[in-house]
Structure formats: C-alpha cells, structure tokens
Protein backbone atom coordinates (compact mmCIF):
# COMPACT_ATOMS: atom_id res chain seq x y z
CA MET A 1 1.23 -9.63 -0.23
CA TYR A 2 3.01 -6.59 1.00
CA GLU A 3 5.62 -4.78 4.06
CA LEU A 4 6.92 -2.03 4.04
CA ILE A 5 10.53 -2.58 5.67
CA ASP A 6 12.12 0.66 6.30
CA SER A 7 11.63 3.98 5.15
CA GLY A 8 13.76 7.28 5.64
CA ASP A 9 15.92 9.42 3.39
CA TYR A 10 13.55 10.01 0.53
CA GLU A 11 13.53 5.81 0.24
CA LYS A 12 11.44 3.45 1.03
CA LEU A 13 11.78 -0.46 1.41
CA GLU A 14 9.39 -2.84 0.13
CA ARG A 15 8.43 -6.50 0.06
CA PHE A 16 5.99 -7.39 -3.13
CA GLY A 17 5.38 -11.67 -2.48
CA GLN A 18 8.80 -12.59 -2.63
CA TYR A 19 10.69 -9.29 -4.12
CA VAL A 20 11.89 -6.32 -1.92
CA LEU A 21 12.08 -3.00 -4.02
CA ARG A 22 13.40 0.29 -3.33
CA ARG A 23 11.80 3.39 -4.62
CA PRO A 24 11.93 6.31 -3.89
CA GLU A 25 9.52 8.55 -1.84
CA PRO A 26 9.43 12.41 -0.90
CA GLN A 27 7.61 12.00 2.11
CA ALA A 28 9.84 9.88 3.71
CA VAL A 29 12.08 12.64 5.53
CA TRP A 30 13.44 11.10 8.62
CA ARG A 31 16.23 8.66 9.01
CA LYS A 32 16.50 4.90 7.73
CA ALA A 33 16.05 2.81 10.78
CA LEU A 34 18.21 -0.23 8.91
CA SER A 35 22.16 0.97 7.52
CA ASP A 36 22.66 1.43 3.76
CA SER A 37 24.28 -2.34 3.82
CA GLU A 38 21.36 -3.55 5.00
CA TRP A 39 18.84 -1.84 2.17
CA VAL A 40 21.81 -3.25 -0.54
CA ALA A 41 21.88 -6.91 1.09
CA GLN A 42 17.61 -6.98 0.68
CA THR A 43 16.92 -5.31 -2.27
CA HIS A 44 15.98 -6.94 -5.42
CA ALA A 45 15.27 -4.08 -7.77
CA TRP A 46 16.36 -0.36 -6.93
CA PHE A 47 14.37 2.17 -8.90
CA ARG A 48 17.05 4.78 -9.90
CA LYS A 49 15.79 8.56 -10.85
CA ALA A 50 16.89 10.19 -13.92
CA SER A 51 19.63 12.42 -13.14
CA ARG A 52 19.00 15.50 -16.32
CA ARG A 53 15.79 16.91 -17.25
CA SER A 54 16.71 15.94 -20.67
CA GLU A 55 16.34 12.17 -19.73
CA LEU A 56 12.62 12.69 -18.58
CA HIS A 57 10.72 12.66 -22.18
CA LEU A 58 7.25 13.25 -20.06
CA SER A 59 3.97 12.18 -21.64
CA SER A 60 1.00 13.62 -21.90
CA ASN A 61 -0.02 10.77 -19.33
CA THR A 62 3.01 10.62 -17.08
CA GLU A 63 3.87 14.19 -16.52
CA GLY A 64 5.02 15.24 -12.78
CA ASN A 65 5.73 11.39 -12.16
CA GLU A 66 9.53 10.86 -11.45
CA LYS A 67 10.75 8.65 -14.62
CA GLY A 68 14.16 6.70 -14.18
CA GLU A 69 15.27 3.10 -14.50
CA TRP A 70 15.28 -0.11 -12.33
CA ILE A 71 18.58 -1.58 -11.66
CA LEU A 72 18.21 -5.32 -10.89
CA LYS A 73 19.56 -7.82 -9.44
CA GLN A 74 20.18 -11.15 -10.82
CA GLY A 75 16.85 -13.26 -11.00
CA MET A 76 14.57 -10.36 -10.53
CA PRO A 77 11.64 -11.00 -12.83
CA GLN A 78 9.89 -7.71 -15.14
CA GLN A 79 6.68 -8.94 -13.90
CA TRP A 80 5.10 -10.96 -11.53
CA PHE A 81 1.99 -11.64 -9.32
CA VAL A 82 1.16 -11.45 -5.73
CA ASP A 83 -2.34 -12.51 -3.97
CA TYR A 84 -4.37 -10.38 -1.93
CA THR A 85 -7.24 -11.77 0.52
CA TYR A 86 -9.64 -9.95 2.93
CA ASN A 87 -12.11 -12.37 4.53
CA ASP A 88 -13.70 -14.05 1.41
CA LEU A 89 -12.21 -11.70 -1.09
CA LYS A 90 -9.49 -13.20 -2.94
CA LEU A 91 -7.64 -11.14 -5.31
CA ARG A 92 -4.58 -11.91 -7.45
CA PHE A 93 -2.36 -8.73 -9.41
CA ARG A 94 0.11 -8.42 -11.74
CA LEU A 95 2.84 -6.42 -10.99
CA GLY A 96 5.37 -4.58 -13.23
CA LEU A 97 8.70 -2.33 -13.12
CA THR A 98 7.46 1.03 -14.92
CA SER A 99 9.45 3.60 -15.86
CA PHE A 100 7.67 6.15 -13.73
CA LYS A 101 8.80 4.00 -10.15
CA HIS A 102 5.30 2.29 -10.23
CA VAL A 103 4.60 -1.48 -9.98
CA GLY A 104 0.98 -1.80 -10.53
CA ILE A 105 -0.89 -1.48 -7.10
CA PHE A 106 -0.86 1.03 -4.55
CA PRO A 107 -0.69 -1.14 -1.10
CA GLU A 108 -1.67 1.70 1.06
CA GLN A 109 -5.44 1.26 -0.85
CA ALA A 110 -6.20 -2.48 0.71
CA GLU A 111 -7.71 -0.54 3.40
CA ASN A 112 -10.36 1.07 1.19
CA TRP A 113 -10.91 -2.10 -0.94
CA ASN A 114 -11.92 -3.47 1.90
CA TYR A 115 -14.48 -1.15 2.68
CA ILE A 116 -15.71 -1.15 -0.83
CA TYR A 117 -16.13 -4.57 -0.80
CA ASP A 118 -17.93 -4.61 2.93
CA SER A 119 -20.06 -1.59 1.76
CA VAL A 120 -21.08 -3.56 -1.64
CA ARG A 121 -22.22 -6.60 -0.09
CA GLY A 122 -24.30 -4.30 2.90
CA ILE A 123 -26.19 -3.16 -0.44
CA ALA A 124 -26.96 -5.98 -1.81
CA ARG A 125 -28.32 -7.23 1.48
CA THR A 126 -30.28 -4.65 2.34
CA GLY A 127 -31.50 -3.85 -0.92
CA ALA A 128 -34.53 -0.59 -1.48
CA HIS A 129 -37.12 -0.10 0.49
CA THR A 130 -40.62 -0.08 -1.33
CA VAL A 131 -43.70 1.90 -0.06
CA ILE A 132 -47.29 0.78 -1.15
CA ALA A 133 -50.14 2.15 0.43
CA GLY A 134 -48.03 4.74 2.59
CA LEU A 135 -46.48 1.76 4.34
CA THR A 136 -42.79 1.17 4.03
CA ARG A 137 -42.53 -2.96 2.83
CA ASN A 138 -39.37 -5.47 3.44
CA PRO A 139 -36.62 -4.50 1.44
CA LEU A 140 -36.02 -5.55 -2.26
CA PRO A 141 -32.52 -6.99 -2.65
CA ILE A 142 -30.07 -5.28 -5.19
CA GLU A 143 -29.07 -8.32 -7.56
CA ALA A 144 -26.00 -6.12 -8.53
CA PRO A 145 -25.06 -2.77 -7.03
CA ARG A 146 -24.07 -0.54 -10.07
CA VAL A 147 -20.29 0.89 -8.69
CA LEU A 148 -18.56 3.76 -11.07
CA ASN A 149 -14.65 3.59 -10.81
CA LEU A 150 -12.97 6.81 -11.59
CA PHE A 151 -9.18 7.36 -12.43
CA ALA A 152 -9.49 3.42 -11.56
CA TYR A 153 -5.82 2.54 -12.37
CA THR A 154 -5.01 -1.14 -12.83
CA GLY A 155 -7.88 -2.15 -10.80
CA GLY A 156 -7.89 -2.92 -7.11
CA ALA A 157 -11.03 -0.95 -6.15
CA SER A 158 -13.02 -2.91 -9.08
CA LEU A 159 -11.86 -6.18 -8.73
CA ALA A 160 -13.17 -5.45 -5.06
CA ALA A 161 -16.27 -4.13 -6.05
CA LYS A 162 -16.99 -6.65 -8.72
CA ALA A 163 -15.89 -9.86 -6.23
CA ALA A 164 -18.89 -8.25 -3.81
CA GLY A 165 -21.14 -8.59 -6.59
CA ALA A 166 -21.39 -4.96 -8.30
CA ASP A 167 -21.82 -4.24 -11.57
CA VAL A 168 -18.67 -2.35 -12.43
CA THR A 169 -17.78 0.23 -15.02
CA HIS A 170 -14.06 1.25 -15.10
CA VAL A 171 -12.54 4.12 -16.56
CA ASP A 172 -9.49 5.28 -16.72
CA SER A 173 -7.69 7.34 -19.52
CA VAL A 174 -4.53 5.47 -20.85
CA LYS A 175 -5.45 2.25 -22.92
CA GLN A 176 -2.04 0.37 -21.45
CA VAL A 177 -3.71 0.93 -17.68
CA LEU A 178 -7.11 -0.82 -19.07
CA ASN A 179 -5.44 -3.90 -20.60
CA TRP A 180 -3.56 -4.35 -17.34
CA SER A 181 -6.54 -4.41 -15.10
CA ARG A 182 -8.19 -6.48 -17.70
CA GLU A 183 -5.01 -8.80 -16.54
CA ASN A 184 -5.57 -8.58 -13.45
CA MET A 185 -9.48 -9.35 -13.75
CA GLU A 186 -9.08 -12.04 -15.25
CA ALA A 187 -6.00 -13.49 -12.72
CA SER A 188 -8.31 -13.14 -9.90
CA GLY A 189 -11.12 -15.25 -11.51
CA LEU A 190 -13.31 -12.64 -12.40
CA ASP A 191 -15.11 -10.99 -15.42
CA ASN A 192 -17.59 -8.58 -16.71
CA ILE A 193 -15.91 -5.55 -15.82
CA ARG A 194 -16.89 -2.84 -18.57
CA TRP A 195 -13.88 -0.84 -19.42
CA VAL A 196 -14.01 2.62 -20.31
CA CYS A 197 -10.98 4.77 -21.98
CA GLU A 198 -11.94 8.42 -21.57
CA ASP A 199 -11.91 11.31 -19.55
CA ALA A 200 -13.16 11.07 -15.91
CA LEU A 201 -15.12 14.46 -15.82
CA LYS A 202 -16.48 13.95 -19.90
CA PHE A 203 -17.96 10.72 -18.93
CA VAL A 204 -19.43 11.89 -15.84
CA LEU A 205 -21.50 14.43 -17.26
CA ARG A 206 -22.49 12.37 -20.32
CA GLU A 207 -23.81 10.05 -17.74
CA ALA A 208 -25.35 12.33 -16.45
CA LYS A 209 -27.14 13.41 -19.14
CA ARG A 210 -28.33 9.94 -19.47
CA GLY A 211 -30.20 10.29 -16.83
CA LYS A 212 -27.73 6.81 -15.34
CA LYS A 213 -27.35 6.28 -11.47
CA TYR A 214 -25.01 4.61 -9.79
CA HIS A 215 -25.04 2.83 -6.13
CA ALA A 216 -21.24 3.71 -5.34
CA ILE A 217 -18.45 6.29 -7.34
CA LEU A 218 -15.04 5.60 -6.35
CA LEU A 219 -12.68 8.68 -7.00
CA ASP A 220 -9.04 8.52 -7.05
CA PRO A 221 -7.96 11.06 -8.87
CA PRO A 222 -3.95 12.60 -9.91
CA ALA A 223 -2.40 15.53 -8.52
CA TYR A 224 -2.09 16.02 -12.36
CA GLY A 225 -2.77 14.00 -15.36
CA ARG A 226 -4.17 14.35 -19.38
CA GLY A 227 -6.91 12.83 -20.58
CA PRO A 228 -7.03 10.59 -23.80
CA ASP A 229 -7.65 13.66 -26.42
CA GLY A 230 -5.06 15.67 -24.58
CA GLU A 231 -7.46 17.12 -21.85
CA ARG A 232 -5.64 18.77 -18.95
CA TRP A 233 -6.46 17.65 -15.53
CA ILE A 234 -5.48 19.90 -12.38
CA LEU A 235 -6.34 18.62 -8.51
CA GLU A 236 -6.58 22.00 -7.38
CA ASP A 237 -9.16 23.70 -10.27
CA ASP A 238 -10.89 20.65 -11.37
CA ILE A 239 -12.07 18.51 -8.41
CA ALA A 240 -15.09 20.83 -7.74
CA ALA A 241 -16.63 20.44 -10.88
CA LEU A 242 -16.00 16.51 -10.97
CA MET A 243 -17.55 16.14 -7.56
CA LEU A 244 -20.48 18.34 -8.69
CA ALA A 245 -21.08 16.04 -11.70
CA CYS A 246 -20.86 13.02 -9.88
CA SER A 247 -23.41 14.36 -7.21
CA GLN A 248 -25.69 14.23 -9.86
CA ILE A 249 -25.59 10.46 -10.76
CA LEU A 250 -25.13 9.49 -7.53
CA GLU A 251 -28.45 6.89 -6.51
CA PRO A 252 -30.30 8.66 -3.37
CA ASP A 253 -30.43 5.30 -1.10
CA ASN A 254 -28.36 2.29 -0.71
CA ALA A 255 -25.21 4.66 -1.67
CA PHE A 256 -21.57 5.29 -0.68
CA ILE A 257 -18.72 7.01 -2.25
CA VAL A 258 -14.76 6.77 -1.50
CA LEU A 259 -12.63 10.03 -2.29
CA ASN A 260 -9.07 9.71 -2.35
CA LEU A 261 -6.40 12.35 -2.70
CA TYR A 262 -2.62 12.01 -3.36
CA SER A 263 -2.38 15.83 -3.62
CA MET A 264 0.84 16.36 -0.58
CA GLY A 265 -1.24 19.74 -0.47
CA PHE A 266 -4.63 18.42 0.76
CA SER A 267 -5.28 17.56 4.11
CA ALA A 268 -7.98 14.94 4.84
CA LEU A 269 -10.21 17.54 5.82
CA VAL A 270 -10.43 18.64 2.44
CA ALA A 271 -11.93 15.53 1.25
CA ASP A 272 -14.06 15.62 3.96
CA ASN A 273 -15.55 18.92 3.17
CA LEU A 274 -15.61 18.45 -0.43
CA VAL A 275 -17.93 15.12 0.93
CA HIS A 276 -19.92 16.93 2.95
CA ASP A 277 -20.44 19.53 0.27
CA TYR A 278 -21.58 17.58 -2.61
CA PHE A 279 -23.59 14.58 -1.00
CA PRO A 280 -25.09 15.27 2.22
CA ARG A 281 -27.29 12.66 1.61
CA LEU A 282 -23.96 10.69 2.77
CA THR A 283 -24.41 10.94 6.84
CA VAL A 284 -22.50 8.29 7.76
CA ARG A 285 -18.93 9.76 6.75
CA THR A 286 -14.95 8.88 7.83
CA SER A 287 -11.91 10.84 6.99
CA GLY A 288 -8.23 10.28 7.70
CA GLU A 289 -4.66 9.56 6.46
CA LEU A 290 -3.85 5.97 4.39
CA PHE A 291 -0.45 5.23 5.86
CA LEU A 292 1.71 2.21 5.93
CA PRO A 293 4.12 1.57 9.06
CA ASP A 294 7.37 0.31 8.68
CA GLN A 295 9.03 -2.62 10.89
CA ALA A 296 10.28 0.46 13.09
CA ASP A 297 6.83 1.90 13.58
CA ARG A 298 7.16 5.06 11.85
CA LYS A 299 4.33 5.94 9.72
CA LEU A 300 4.54 6.80 6.20
CA PRO A 301 1.48 8.76 4.94
CA LEU A 302 0.43 8.45 1.40
CA SER A 303 -3.20 9.86 0.78
CA VAL A 304 -5.87 11.18 2.56
CA PHE A 305 -9.19 9.69 2.23
CA CYS A 306 -12.93 10.42 2.54
CA ARG A 307 -15.61 7.30 3.02
CA ALA A 308 -19.48 8.06 3.32
CA LYS A 309 -23.13 6.26 2.85
CA THR A 310 -26.07 6.29 3.53
CA LEU A 311 -27.64 5.31 6.93
C-alpha cells in the first residue's frame, strides 16, 4: 500500500499504491539520498506550498496547515484507492489530493490500527468476569466492545476496530471528513459505525453525564484545531481536560487507550505521563515514536504515542 522512497531537504517522496507523491516534510532536515532528477522522474504529483500569506485563506478547520496546490503529471487522478492488509484485517481507503497536502491517511498509523484490531479481538475473546458467591466464574464474552474514536479523521482506526467486531462511535468536527470516512467504511465492506460531527471535548463531557462507558478510547488530537461551532482547540492548553473527561467514560476492566500526538514540542514521555496519570488502571503501557523508514534507512519521525490496557 505504502512506501517512503526518500526523504530530506524538508520533503518526502512517497508511494501510495501505484502513484508517487512529493510533499513537504518539516522534520526531514537531512539531505536527500536520491538526486533531483530521480525525484522528478518518479513523481506523479507534487505539492507546492503557497508562496504568499495572502494565498492561504485559512478556514476555521484548517488553520495551521500548509495550503498550496498539486502539480500533476498526465494521467494522475485526483482520487484513487489503496488496500491495507494485516493478518485477517482487510481495509480499503479512498485517497485524494487536498489543498492542505494531506491525502486521506497517515501511513505511520498502521501500527496503531494493528494494535486496535488485536486489542478489540482480545477483549471479545477474554470477556468480562462474573463473581457469584464470592467466586470468579468463567469470563462472559463481550460481543461488541464499545470503542470511541476522537479526532477520527478519515477513519483508519475506526475501521480497524469495526473489522475486529467493535461497536464504534466516530467523532470528528468536519462534516466533509465524516463523509470521507463513510466512503472508506463502505469500500472496506463494513457498516454500522456511528458518525458524530461535534467538538471532541463537548461530546465526551456529555457522554460522562449520561453515564456512558467505552472499552476503548482512541485519541489523535491535532496541535491546533476548530470545532464545528468555532470551538478552539490548542493541544498544550486542552489535552489535560480531555484526558480527565475521557477517564470518566472508560470501563474499569477489559479496556485500552491509544493516544497519538503530532505536536513537535511533545516527546513520547509526555504521552506516557498523561496516560499514567489519568488512567492508572491501564498497567500494560507502551510509548514511543511512530516513524517511517525510507530506502536509505533514515527514519522519519512523525508522531509520539502511548498505548495502554488493563491486564
């Protein structure tokens, strides 16, 4: 589905299915391994950033992203599909060339998708213990573990959870992105995901008031964003309140969380400390960096994560 061919000089050269894209990458501060002519020869579409601030026209949902335009070679479509496979998991994504350099998936998240798929299946197999007359009986199966995906974008994590048998609630503040997620669900042969267009923190606080509980919470907050009613999100200012709210709606047992952070100012230790502080029952915890290796074996760092679950 995906390959990072080369990186450097603040760019990356990537293969998505049969097409090769050239995009800006602020963390690729080293030199390219391939020559400029090799990049040009392989590229089907190149994203060129806007050169003047007057060209940006930032909207409430895209502020802070790089806006520009795609330069396409003949035969390069605006949209196409790619497939993703992991063990029994088979997903299909519709990709597209957006004016903010994104294409519809973040390939480094595949590691999280795999973890989500395995964890949901594990909860369904383990089930919930019942206690009768002081004795722990055999686990009862959890037919459809409840999974909440916040800042869910085009739904890779939602699809992985749904394919594993979860009851999935997918929350994002951009209606067009929800429609894109629905296309990916249908392309993957899945159905019955619950779609919610709302500010993530508002939704979680309302679920807490309702007494709703989830077996898994997936969080992929941006460094900066806007809700559908103009709510402002700044990661450094708002992440603690969101984590506290989420801690009130996670099941005490048979539970897990995935926290992914894209802020270049946060280390993996920040993600680990947040989960440790707000979810002390999740004692099986792993944190680190998500990265993609290129053909020259340079590792491009893209986000930090913490994944944690109950024993």
